[in-house]
Amino acid sequence: MNFVEWLRIILIGIIEGITEWLPISSTGHMLLFDAVFTTSAPDVFTPAFSEMFMVVIQLGAILAVLTLFFNKLNPFSKKKTAEEKSSTLSLWGKVLIGCLPAAVAGLFLDDIIEENLNAPIIIAIMLIVYGVLFIAIEIFNKRRTFKIESTEQLSWKVAFAIGVIQILSLIPGTSRSGVTILGAMLLGCSRFVAAEYTFFLAVPVMFGASALKIVKYFIDGNALMPMQILVLIVGMVVAYLVSMLVIKFLMKFIKHHDFKIFGAYRIALGVLVILAFTLWIK
C-alpha cells in the first residue's frame, strides 16, 4: 500500500462523509471517483472487499449522527423527565417503523437492483430526475406552510409513509437522504424536520445494510486480511470526522436556505456522469 492508495482511501471517506448526508447521491460520486481513481492495490481491494468496503464505510458516518444527536436519541438520560424519555422512545419507534418498508424491499430486491440498475446511465437519469424534483418541489413550497415543525409532531402514519417513499432510494443515484427529505416535505414536514428525521432513519438502515454486506462477504467464503481491516478503520474514521462537519453545516444551512441548490448540483452531476461514461471513459 503506497501513499497514493492511502490518499484514495481518505478521499473515499471524505466523499462518503459529504454525500451521505447532502441529498446529492453518494453512488453517483463514488461511480465517477472509481472510474477516474482506480485502485493500485488489487490484492487488498479485491472485487468482493471493494463492494463490502463501500457499504461498511457508512458506519463511520452513522457514528457521527449518534454523536451529534446523542442527547436527543438517548431515552435513558438522567437529565430527561419521564415524559421526555417516553417521547424519545416514541421517536425511536417512528424511526424503526420508517425503516421497515425499505428494509423488507431491500431483502428481496438488493441483488436484482445490483445486477440490473447499477449502471452509469440509470444513476445519471436518477440524479437529473430528482434534481428537477427538488427544484420543482421547493418552488411549490413557497406557497405552503409546513404543518410539522419538530420531530415530536411527527405522527406514526407520516413516519411510515416516509419509510414507504424511502424504498425509491434503493435505485442507485436517487440518494437515500434526498428521497426521504423530498417525501417528508411533501407530507408536510419542515426542511429541518425532514433532514433530522432522515439522519435518524439512516442509523438502523445503514447498520442493517452494513451487517448484510458483512454477512454476505463471509458467507461467500471471503476473509479479512489485517491490511483490509486497517483500510476499513481509516475509511470509517475519515467518514466520521467529515460527517460531523457536514451534518452541522446542513442543519445550519437549511434554517435560512432551501434545497434548490442541491437540485441544480444533481442535474449538473447527472450530465457530467453521462458525458464521462459516453465520451471519455471507455
C-alpha atoms as a PDB file:
ATOM      1  CA  MET A   1       0.000   0.000   0.000  1.00  0.00           C
ATOM      2  CA  ASN A   2       1.637   3.220  -1.184  1.00  0.00           C
ATOM      3  CA  PHE A   3       0.878   6.855  -0.346  1.00  0.00           C
ATOM      4  CA  VAL A   4      -1.393   7.314  -3.376  1.00  0.00           C
ATOM      5  CA  GLU A   5      -3.540   4.355  -2.314  1.00  0.00           C
ATOM      6  CA  TRP A   6      -3.910   5.719   1.214  1.00  0.00           C
ATOM      7  CA  LEU A   7      -4.852   9.085  -0.315  1.00  0.00           C
ATOM      8  CA  ARG A   8      -7.507   7.280  -2.352  1.00  0.00           C
ATOM      9  CA  ILE A   9      -8.948   5.692   0.803  1.00  0.00           C
ATOM     10  CA  ILE A  10      -9.018   9.061   2.581  1.00  0.00           C
ATOM     11  CA  LEU A  11     -10.765  10.663  -0.400  1.00  0.00           C
ATOM     12  CA  ILE A  12     -13.382   7.900  -0.401  1.00  0.00           C
ATOM     13  CA  GLY A  13     -14.005   8.597   3.288  1.00  0.00           C
ATOM     14  CA  ILE A  14     -14.363  12.311   2.545  1.00  0.00           C
ATOM     15  CA  ILE A  15     -16.799  11.659  -0.315  1.00  0.00           C
ATOM     16  CA  GLU A  16     -18.840   9.319   1.890  1.00  0.00           C
ATOM     17  CA  GLY A  17     -18.929  11.834   4.750  1.00  0.00           C
ATOM     18  CA  ILE A  18     -20.167  14.591   2.440  1.00  0.00           C
ATOM     19  CA  THR A  19     -22.532  12.796   0.091  1.00  0.00           C
ATOM     20  CA  GLU A  20     -24.219  10.516   2.628  1.00  0.00           C
ATOM     21  CA  TRP A  21     -25.944  13.484   4.252  1.00  0.00           C
ATOM     22  CA  LEU A  22     -26.322  16.003   1.460  1.00  0.00           C
ATOM     23  CA  PRO A  23     -29.108  14.986  -0.971  1.00  0.00           C
ATOM     24  CA  ILE A  24     -26.737  14.604  -3.922  1.00  0.00           C
ATOM     25  CA  SER A  25     -26.234  10.798  -4.196  1.00  0.00           C
ATOM     26  CA  SER A  26     -23.161   9.121  -2.802  1.00  0.00           C
ATOM     27  CA  THR A  27     -23.442   6.459  -5.545  1.00  0.00           C
ATOM     28  CA  GLY A  28     -23.043   8.980  -8.360  1.00  0.00           C
ATOM     29  CA  HIS A  29     -19.950  10.452  -6.770  1.00  0.00           C
ATOM     30  CA  MET A  30     -18.417   7.065  -5.983  1.00  0.00           C
ATOM     31  CA  LEU A  31     -19.037   5.924  -9.564  1.00  0.00           C
ATOM     32  CA  LEU A  32     -17.139   8.870 -11.003  1.00  0.00           C
ATOM     33  CA  PHE A  33     -14.391   8.566  -8.415  1.00  0.00           C
ATOM     34  CA  ASP A  34     -13.867   4.849  -9.071  1.00  0.00           C
ATOM     35  CA  ALA A  35     -13.737   5.434 -12.801  1.00  0.00           C
ATOM     36  CA  VAL A  36     -11.100   8.157 -12.501  1.00  0.00           C
ATOM     37  CA  PHE A  37      -9.123   6.968  -9.458  1.00  0.00           C
ATOM     38  CA  THR A  38      -8.782   3.181  -9.709  1.00  0.00           C
ATOM     39  CA  THR A  39      -7.015   1.183  -7.014  1.00  0.00           C
ATOM     40  CA  SER A  40      -3.321   0.452  -7.216  1.00  0.00           C
ATOM     41  CA  ALA A  41      -3.634  -2.372  -4.673  1.00  0.00           C
ATOM     42  CA  PRO A  42      -5.832  -5.066  -6.263  1.00  0.00           C
ATOM     43  CA  ASP A  43      -4.554  -7.629  -3.764  1.00  0.00           C
ATOM     44  CA  VAL A  44      -6.195  -5.600  -0.972  1.00  0.00           C
ATOM     45  CA  PHE A  45      -9.146  -4.176  -2.904  1.00  0.00           C
ATOM     46  CA  THR A  46     -10.433  -7.415  -4.334  1.00  0.00           C
ATOM     47  CA  PRO A  47     -13.851  -7.142  -6.049  1.00  0.00           C
ATOM     48  CA  ALA A  48     -15.581  -8.656  -3.001  1.00  0.00           C
ATOM     49  CA  PHE A  49     -13.768  -6.425  -0.493  1.00  0.00           C
ATOM     50  CA  SER A  50     -14.298  -3.287  -2.594  1.00  0.00           C
ATOM     51  CA  GLU A  51     -18.053  -3.925  -2.699  1.00  0.00           C
ATOM     52  CA  MET A  52     -18.196  -4.535   1.043  1.00  0.00           C
ATOM     53  CA  PHE A  53     -15.929  -1.571   1.855  1.00  0.00           C
ATOM     54  CA  MET A  54     -18.141   0.916   0.005  1.00  0.00           C
ATOM     55  CA  VAL A  55     -21.092  -0.054   2.210  1.00  0.00           C
ATOM     56  CA  VAL A  56     -19.433  -0.714   5.576  1.00  0.00           C
ATOM     57  CA  ILE A  57     -17.587   2.630   5.483  1.00  0.00           C
ATOM     58  CA  GLN A  58     -21.035   4.148   6.135  1.00  0.00           C
ATOM     59  CA  LEU A  59     -20.752   3.026   9.760  1.00  0.00           C
ATOM     60  CA  GLY A  60     -18.368   5.923  10.338  1.00  0.00           C
ATOM     61  CA  ALA A  61     -20.997   8.331   9.042  1.00  0.00           C
ATOM     62  CA  ILE A  62     -23.634   6.754  11.282  1.00  0.00           C
ATOM     63  CA  LEU A  63     -21.486   7.202  14.392  1.00  0.00           C
ATOM     64  CA  ALA A  64     -21.459  10.935  13.625  1.00  0.00           C
ATOM     65  CA  VAL A  65     -25.270  11.001  13.884  1.00  0.00           C
ATOM     66  CA  LEU A  66     -25.195   9.122  17.182  1.00  0.00           C
ATOM     67  CA  THR A  67     -22.554  11.531  18.499  1.00  0.00           C
ATOM     68  CA  LEU A  68     -24.245  14.780  17.453  1.00  0.00           C
ATOM     69  CA  PHE A  69     -27.756  13.717  18.449  1.00  0.00           C
ATOM     70  CA  PHE A  70     -26.824  11.572  21.452  1.00  0.00           C
ATOM     71  CA  ASN A  71     -28.896  13.546  23.949  1.00  0.00           C
ATOM     72  CA  LYS A  72     -31.941  13.664  21.708  1.00  0.00           C
ATOM     73  CA  LEU A  73     -31.728   9.961  20.864  1.00  0.00           C
ATOM     74  CA  ASN A  74     -30.873   8.719  24.369  1.00  0.00           C
ATOM     75  CA  PRO A  75     -34.094   7.598  26.119  1.00  0.00           C
ATOM     76  CA  PHE A  76     -32.265   6.733  29.333  1.00  0.00           C
ATOM     77  CA  SER A  77     -30.692  10.110  30.069  1.00  0.00           C
ATOM     78  CA  LYS A  78     -30.970  11.057  33.734  1.00  0.00           C
ATOM     79  CA  LYS A  79     -31.450  14.672  32.662  1.00  0.00           C
ATOM     80  CA  LYS A  80     -34.752  13.842  30.959  1.00  0.00           C
ATOM     81  CA  THR A  81     -38.140  13.788  32.613  1.00  0.00           C
ATOM     82  CA  ALA A  82     -40.371  10.728  32.344  1.00  0.00           C
ATOM     83  CA  GLU A  83     -42.348  12.494  29.626  1.00  0.00           C
ATOM     84  CA  GLU A  84     -39.190  13.319  27.664  1.00  0.00           C
ATOM     85  CA  LYS A  85     -37.969   9.718  27.943  1.00  0.00           C
ATOM     86  CA  SER A  86     -41.318   8.498  26.658  1.00  0.00           C
ATOM     87  CA  SER A  87     -41.123  10.978  23.763  1.00  0.00           C
ATOM     88  CA  THR A  88     -37.624   9.728  22.876  1.00  0.00           C
ATOM     89  CA  LEU A  89     -38.767   6.095  22.896  1.00  0.00           C
ATOM     90  CA  SER A  90     -41.688   7.118  20.689  1.00  0.00           C
ATOM     91  CA  LEU A  91     -39.248   8.781  18.281  1.00  0.00           C
ATOM     92  CA  TRP A  92     -37.215   5.563  18.079  1.00  0.00           C
ATOM     93  CA  GLY A  93     -40.429   3.673  17.366  1.00  0.00           C
ATOM     94  CA  LYS A  94     -41.215   6.048  14.488  1.00  0.00           C
ATOM     95  CA  VAL A  95     -37.677   5.647  13.183  1.00  0.00           C
ATOM     96  CA  LEU A  96     -37.948   1.855  13.232  1.00  0.00           C
ATOM     97  CA  ILE A  97     -41.365   1.817  11.554  1.00  0.00           C
ATOM     98  CA  GLY A  98     -39.972   4.197   8.949  1.00  0.00           C
ATOM     99  CA  CYS A  99     -37.154   1.738   8.214  1.00  0.00           C
ATOM    100  CA  LEU A 100     -39.329  -1.337   7.746  1.00  0.00           C
ATOM    101  CA  PRO A 101     -40.568  -0.777   4.158  1.00  0.00           C
ATOM    102  CA  ALA A 102     -37.093  -0.222   2.659  1.00  0.00           C
ATOM    103  CA  ALA A 103     -35.572  -2.995   4.792  1.00  0.00           C
ATOM    104  CA  VAL A 104     -38.124  -5.552   3.589  1.00  0.00           C
ATOM    105  CA  ALA A 105     -37.927  -4.376  -0.017  1.00  0.00           C
ATOM    106  CA  GLY A 106     -34.122  -4.409   0.139  1.00  0.00           C
ATOM    107  CA  LEU A 107     -34.012  -8.061   1.202  1.00  0.00           C
ATOM    108  CA  PHE A 108     -35.931  -9.081  -1.911  1.00  0.00           C
ATOM    109  CA  LEU A 109     -34.649  -6.526  -4.414  1.00  0.00           C
ATOM    110  CA  ASP A 110     -30.984  -5.941  -3.436  1.00  0.00           C
ATOM    111  CA  ASP A 111     -29.467  -8.490  -5.838  1.00  0.00           C
ATOM    112  CA  ILE A 112     -31.903  -7.628  -8.659  1.00  0.00           C
ATOM    113  CA  ILE A 113     -31.158  -3.907  -8.403  1.00  0.00           C
ATOM    114  CA  GLU A 114     -27.411  -4.505  -8.140  1.00  0.00           C
ATOM    115  CA  GLU A 115     -27.418  -6.625 -11.289  1.00  0.00           C
ATOM    116  CA  ASN A 116     -29.784  -4.552 -13.425  1.00  0.00           C
ATOM    117  CA  LEU A 117     -29.868  -0.940 -12.249  1.00  0.00           C
ATOM    118  CA  ASN A 118     -26.326  -0.235 -11.080  1.00  0.00           C
ATOM    119  CA  ALA A 119     -25.397   1.323 -14.425  1.00  0.00           C
ATOM    120  CA  PRO A 120     -23.998   4.822 -15.098  1.00  0.00           C
ATOM    121  CA  ILE A 121     -26.929   5.840 -17.313  1.00  0.00           C
ATOM    122  CA  ILE A 122     -29.503   4.826 -14.669  1.00  0.00           C
ATOM    123  CA  ILE A 123     -27.595   6.710 -11.978  1.00  0.00           C
ATOM    124  CA  ALA A 124     -27.313   9.785 -14.222  1.00  0.00           C
ATOM    125  CA  ILE A 125     -31.045   9.744 -15.007  1.00  0.00           C
ATOM    126  CA  MET A 126     -31.937   9.475 -11.313  1.00  0.00           C
ATOM    127  CA  LEU A 127     -29.575  12.323 -10.457  1.00  0.00           C
ATOM    128  CA  ILE A 128     -31.260  14.563 -13.021  1.00  0.00           C
ATOM    129  CA  VAL A 129     -34.856  13.488 -12.290  1.00  0.00           C
ATOM    130  CA  TYR A 130     -34.562  14.082  -8.557  1.00  0.00           C
ATOM    131  CA  GLY A 131     -32.628  17.282  -9.167  1.00  0.00           C
ATOM    132  CA  VAL A 132     -35.595  18.597 -11.150  1.00  0.00           C
ATOM    133  CA  LEU A 133     -37.959  17.375  -8.417  1.00  0.00           C
ATOM    134  CA  PHE A 134     -36.012  19.236  -5.727  1.00  0.00           C
ATOM    135  CA  ILE A 135     -36.281  22.490  -7.664  1.00  0.00           C
ATOM    136  CA  ALA A 136     -39.971  21.965  -8.539  1.00  0.00           C
ATOM    137  CA  ILE A 137     -40.982  20.998  -5.002  1.00  0.00           C
ATOM    138  CA  GLU A 138     -39.100  23.917  -3.457  1.00  0.00           C
ATOM    139  CA  ILE A 139     -40.874  26.303  -5.848  1.00  0.00           C
ATOM    140  CA  PHE A 140     -44.158  24.706  -4.742  1.00  0.00           C
ATOM    141  CA  ASN A 141     -43.106  25.025  -1.078  1.00  0.00           C
ATOM    142  CA  LYS A 142     -43.041  28.822  -1.354  1.00  0.00           C
ATOM    143  CA  ARG A 143     -46.843  28.737  -1.285  1.00  0.00           C
ATOM    144  CA  ARG A 144     -47.051  26.265   1.605  1.00  0.00           C
ATOM    145  CA  THR A 145     -46.936  26.335   5.377  1.00  0.00           C
ATOM    146  CA  PHE A 146     -45.343  23.251   6.902  1.00  0.00           C
ATOM    147  CA  LYS A 147     -47.573  21.572   9.494  1.00  0.00           C
ATOM    148  CA  ILE A 148     -44.819  19.544  11.174  1.00  0.00           C
ATOM    149  CA  GLU A 149     -42.169  21.798  12.717  1.00  0.00           C
ATOM    150  CA  SER A 150     -40.497  19.305  15.084  1.00  0.00           C
ATOM    151  CA  THR A 151     -39.860  15.561  15.154  1.00  0.00           C
ATOM    152  CA  GLU A 152     -42.109  15.364  18.231  1.00  0.00           C
ATOM    153  CA  GLN A 153     -45.039  16.365  15.979  1.00  0.00           C
ATOM    154  CA  LEU A 154     -44.289  13.565  13.542  1.00  0.00           C
ATOM    155  CA  SER A 155     -47.160  11.071  13.541  1.00  0.00           C
ATOM    156  CA  TRP A 156     -46.764   7.310  13.182  1.00  0.00           C
ATOM    157  CA  LYS A 157     -48.695   7.467   9.903  1.00  0.00           C
ATOM    158  CA  VAL A 158     -46.405  10.100   8.388  1.00  0.00           C
ATOM    159  CA  ALA A 159     -43.292   8.297   9.672  1.00  0.00           C
ATOM    160  CA  PHE A 160     -44.392   5.085   7.957  1.00  0.00           C
ATOM    161  CA  ALA A 161     -45.322   6.951   4.752  1.00  0.00           C
ATOM    162  CA  ILE A 162     -41.837   8.469   4.603  1.00  0.00           C
ATOM    163  CA  GLY A 163     -40.487   4.946   5.030  1.00  0.00           C
ATOM    164  CA  VAL A 164     -42.524   3.727   2.051  1.00  0.00           C
ATOM    165  CA  ILE A 165     -41.160   6.587  -0.047  1.00  0.00           C
ATOM    166  CA  GLN A 166     -37.649   5.619   1.082  1.00  0.00           C
ATOM    167  CA  ILE A 167     -37.978   2.399  -0.961  1.00  0.00           C
ATOM    168  CA  LEU A 168     -37.230   4.548  -4.018  1.00  0.00           C
ATOM    169  CA  SER A 169     -33.728   5.134  -2.633  1.00  0.00           C
ATOM    170  CA  LEU A 170     -32.864   1.510  -3.466  1.00  0.00           C
ATOM    171  CA  ILE A 171     -32.436   2.681  -7.066  1.00  0.00           C
ATOM    172  CA  PRO A 172     -28.823   3.868  -7.463  1.00  0.00           C
ATOM    173  CA  GLY A 173     -28.460   7.603  -7.984  1.00  0.00           C
ATOM    174  CA  THR A 174     -31.600   8.664  -6.148  1.00  0.00           C
ATOM    175  CA  SER A 175     -29.887   9.398  -2.789  1.00  0.00           C
ATOM    176  CA  ARG A 176     -31.369   7.963   0.388  1.00  0.00           C
ATOM    177  CA  SER A 177     -31.314  11.336   2.121  1.00  0.00           C
ATOM    178  CA  GLY A 178     -32.666  13.067  -0.986  1.00  0.00           C
ATOM    179  CA  VAL A 179     -35.668  10.760  -1.365  1.00  0.00           C
ATOM    180  CA  THR A 180     -36.625  10.884   2.309  1.00  0.00           C
ATOM    181  CA  ILE A 181     -36.231  14.670   2.510  1.00  0.00           C
ATOM    182  CA  LEU A 182     -38.451  15.144  -0.545  1.00  0.00           C
ATOM    183  CA  GLY A 183     -41.007  12.680   0.791  1.00  0.00           C
ATOM    184  CA  ALA A 184     -41.058  14.282   4.229  1.00  0.00           C
ATOM    185  CA  MET A 185     -41.555  17.767   2.794  1.00  0.00           C
ATOM    186  CA  LEU A 186     -44.391  16.577   0.550  1.00  0.00           C
ATOM    187  CA  LEU A 187     -46.040  15.087   3.644  1.00  0.00           C
ATOM    188  CA  GLY A 188     -45.892  18.427   5.486  1.00  0.00           C
ATOM    189  CA  CYS A 189     -42.558  18.308   7.331  1.00  0.00           C
ATOM    190  CA  SER A 190     -40.384  21.411   7.510  1.00  0.00           C
ATOM    191  CA  ARG A 191     -36.936  21.249   5.932  1.00  0.00           C
ATOM    192  CA  PHE A 192     -35.369  20.987   9.394  1.00  0.00           C
ATOM    193  CA  VAL A 193     -37.599  18.079  10.448  1.00  0.00           C
ATOM    194  CA  ALA A 194     -37.170  16.360   7.063  1.00  0.00           C
ATOM    195  CA  ALA A 195     -33.380  16.497   7.357  1.00  0.00           C
ATOM    196  CA  GLU A 196     -33.292  15.499  11.028  1.00  0.00           C
ATOM    197  CA  TYR A 197     -35.637  12.545  10.565  1.00  0.00           C
ATOM    198  CA  THR A 198     -33.564  11.462   7.556  1.00  0.00           C
ATOM    199  CA  PHE A 199     -30.459  11.372   9.762  1.00  0.00           C
ATOM    200  CA  PHE A 200     -32.267   9.261  12.343  1.00  0.00           C
ATOM    201  CA  LEU A 201     -33.638   6.868   9.706  1.00  0.00           C
ATOM    202  CA  ALA A 202     -30.091   6.309   8.481  1.00  0.00           C
ATOM    203  CA  VAL A 203     -28.994   4.724  11.768  1.00  0.00           C
ATOM    204  CA  PRO A 204     -30.859   1.388  11.564  1.00  0.00           C
ATOM    205  CA  VAL A 205     -30.953   1.410   7.737  1.00  0.00           C
ATOM    206  CA  MET A 206     -27.193   1.713   7.338  1.00  0.00           C
ATOM    207  CA  PHE A 207     -26.386  -0.568  10.260  1.00  0.00           C
ATOM    208  CA  GLY A 208     -28.627  -3.153   8.623  1.00  0.00           C
ATOM    209  CA  ALA A 209     -27.111  -2.658   5.165  1.00  0.00           C
ATOM    210  CA  SER A 210     -23.593  -2.930   6.573  1.00  0.00           C
ATOM    211  CA  ALA A 211     -24.438  -6.062   8.564  1.00  0.00           C
ATOM    212  CA  LEU A 212     -25.989  -7.653   5.464  1.00  0.00           C
ATOM    213  CA  LYS A 213     -22.901  -6.912   3.349  1.00  0.00           C
ATOM    214  CA  ILE A 214     -20.544  -8.267   6.026  1.00  0.00           C
ATOM    215  CA  VAL A 215     -22.574 -11.469   6.390  1.00  0.00           C
ATOM    216  CA  LYS A 216     -22.683 -11.952   2.609  1.00  0.00           C
ATOM    217  CA  TYR A 217     -18.937 -11.300   2.412  1.00  0.00           C
ATOM    218  CA  PHE A 218     -18.100 -14.117   4.825  1.00  0.00           C
ATOM    219  CA  ILE A 219     -20.817 -16.483   3.578  1.00  0.00           C
ATOM    220  CA  ASP A 220     -19.235 -16.254   0.124  1.00  0.00           C
ATOM    221  CA  GLY A 221     -16.029 -17.631   1.646  1.00  0.00           C
ATOM    222  CA  ASN A 222     -14.047 -14.405   1.921  1.00  0.00           C
ATOM    223  CA  ALA A 223     -11.726 -13.478   4.781  1.00  0.00           C
ATOM    224  CA  LEU A 224     -10.305 -10.169   6.027  1.00  0.00           C
ATOM    225  CA  MET A 225      -6.574  -9.549   5.925  1.00  0.00           C
ATOM    226  CA  PRO A 226      -5.014  -7.261   8.588  1.00  0.00           C
ATOM    227  CA  MET A 227      -4.440  -4.591   5.906  1.00  0.00           C
ATOM    228  CA  GLN A 228      -8.084  -4.722   4.859  1.00  0.00           C
ATOM    229  CA  ILE A 229      -9.174  -4.238   8.473  1.00  0.00           C
ATOM    230  CA  LEU A 230      -6.894  -1.191   8.705  1.00  0.00           C
ATOM    231  CA  VAL A 231      -8.337   0.166   5.459  1.00  0.00           C
ATOM    232  CA  LEU A 232     -11.866  -0.176   6.847  1.00  0.00           C
ATOM    233  CA  ILE A 233     -10.896   1.620  10.068  1.00  0.00           C
ATOM    234  CA  VAL A 234      -9.210   4.511   8.233  1.00  0.00           C
ATOM    235  CA  GLY A 235     -12.159   4.899   5.858  1.00  0.00           C
ATOM    236  CA  MET A 236     -14.696   4.907   8.691  1.00  0.00           C
ATOM    237  CA  VAL A 237     -12.708   7.375  10.821  1.00  0.00           C
ATOM    238  CA  VAL A 238     -12.447   9.828   7.916  1.00  0.00           C
ATOM    239  CA  ALA A 239     -16.155   9.397   7.099  1.00  0.00           C
ATOM    240  CA  TYR A 240     -16.980  10.020  10.763  1.00  0.00           C
ATOM    241  CA  LEU A 241     -14.969  13.243  11.039  1.00  0.00           C
ATOM    242  CA  VAL A 242     -16.255  14.659   7.738  1.00  0.00           C
ATOM    243  CA  SER A 243     -19.842  13.669   8.583  1.00  0.00           C
ATOM    244  CA  MET A 244     -19.648  15.601  11.842  1.00  0.00           C
ATOM    245  CA  LEU A 245     -18.846  18.771   9.902  1.00  0.00           C
ATOM    246  CA  VAL A 246     -21.342  18.171   7.085  1.00  0.00           C
ATOM    247  CA  ILE A 247     -24.307  17.425   9.370  1.00  0.00           C
ATOM    248  CA  LYS A 248     -23.645  20.588  11.377  1.00  0.00           C
ATOM    249  CA  PHE A 249     -23.362  22.576   8.155  1.00  0.00           C
ATOM    250  CA  LEU A 250     -26.600  21.227   6.667  1.00  0.00           C
ATOM    251  CA  MET A 251     -28.665  21.859   9.808  1.00  0.00           C
ATOM    252  CA  LYS A 252     -27.471  25.487   9.867  1.00  0.00           C
ATOM    253  CA  PHE A 253     -27.835  25.911   6.090  1.00  0.00           C
ATOM    254  CA  ILE A 254     -31.499  24.885   5.887  1.00  0.00           C
ATOM    255  CA  LYS A 255     -32.507  27.360   8.579  1.00  0.00           C
ATOM    256  CA  HIS A 256     -32.025  30.124   6.014  1.00  0.00           C
ATOM    257  CA  HIS A 257     -31.972  28.367   2.611  1.00  0.00           C
ATOM    258  CA  ASP A 258     -33.944  25.810   0.624  1.00  0.00           C
ATOM    259  CA  PHE A 259     -32.740  22.733  -1.296  1.00  0.00           C
ATOM    260  CA  LYS A 260     -32.814  24.179  -4.845  1.00  0.00           C
ATOM    261  CA  ILE A 261     -29.029  24.497  -4.974  1.00  0.00           C
ATOM    262  CA  PHE A 262     -28.721  20.757  -4.374  1.00  0.00           C
ATOM    263  CA  GLY A 263     -31.224  20.136  -7.169  1.00  0.00           C
ATOM    264  CA  ALA A 264     -29.127  22.195  -9.583  1.00  0.00           C
ATOM    265  CA  TYR A 265     -25.985  20.365  -8.469  1.00  0.00           C
ATOM    266  CA  ARG A 266     -27.629  16.973  -9.055  1.00  0.00           C
ATOM    267  CA  ILE A 267     -28.600  17.964 -12.604  1.00  0.00           C
ATOM    268  CA  ALA A 268     -25.054  19.131 -13.340  1.00  0.00           C
ATOM    269  CA  LEU A 269     -23.573  15.919 -11.876  1.00  0.00           C
ATOM    270  CA  GLY A 270     -26.003  13.777 -13.862  1.00  0.00           C
ATOM    271  CA  VAL A 271     -24.935  15.478 -17.085  1.00  0.00           C
ATOM    272  CA  LEU A 272     -21.280  15.000 -16.091  1.00  0.00           C
ATOM    273  CA  VAL A 273     -21.832  11.273 -15.482  1.00  0.00           C
ATOM    274  CA  ILE A 274     -23.429  10.900 -18.915  1.00  0.00           C
ATOM    275  CA  LEU A 275     -20.604  12.785 -20.624  1.00  0.00           C
ATOM    276  CA  ALA A 276     -17.927  10.926 -18.679  1.00  0.00           C
ATOM    277  CA  PHE A 277     -19.210   7.462 -19.476  1.00  0.00           C
ATOM    278  CA  THR A 278     -20.199   8.109 -23.101  1.00  0.00           C
ATOM    279  CA  LEU A 279     -17.348  10.299 -24.296  1.00  0.00           C
ATOM    280  CA  TRP A 280     -14.311   9.984 -22.005  1.00  0.00           C
ATOM    281  CA  ILE A 281     -14.299   6.759 -20.025  1.00  0.00           C
ATOM    282  CA  LYS A 282     -14.038   3.590 -22.061  1.00  0.00           C
END
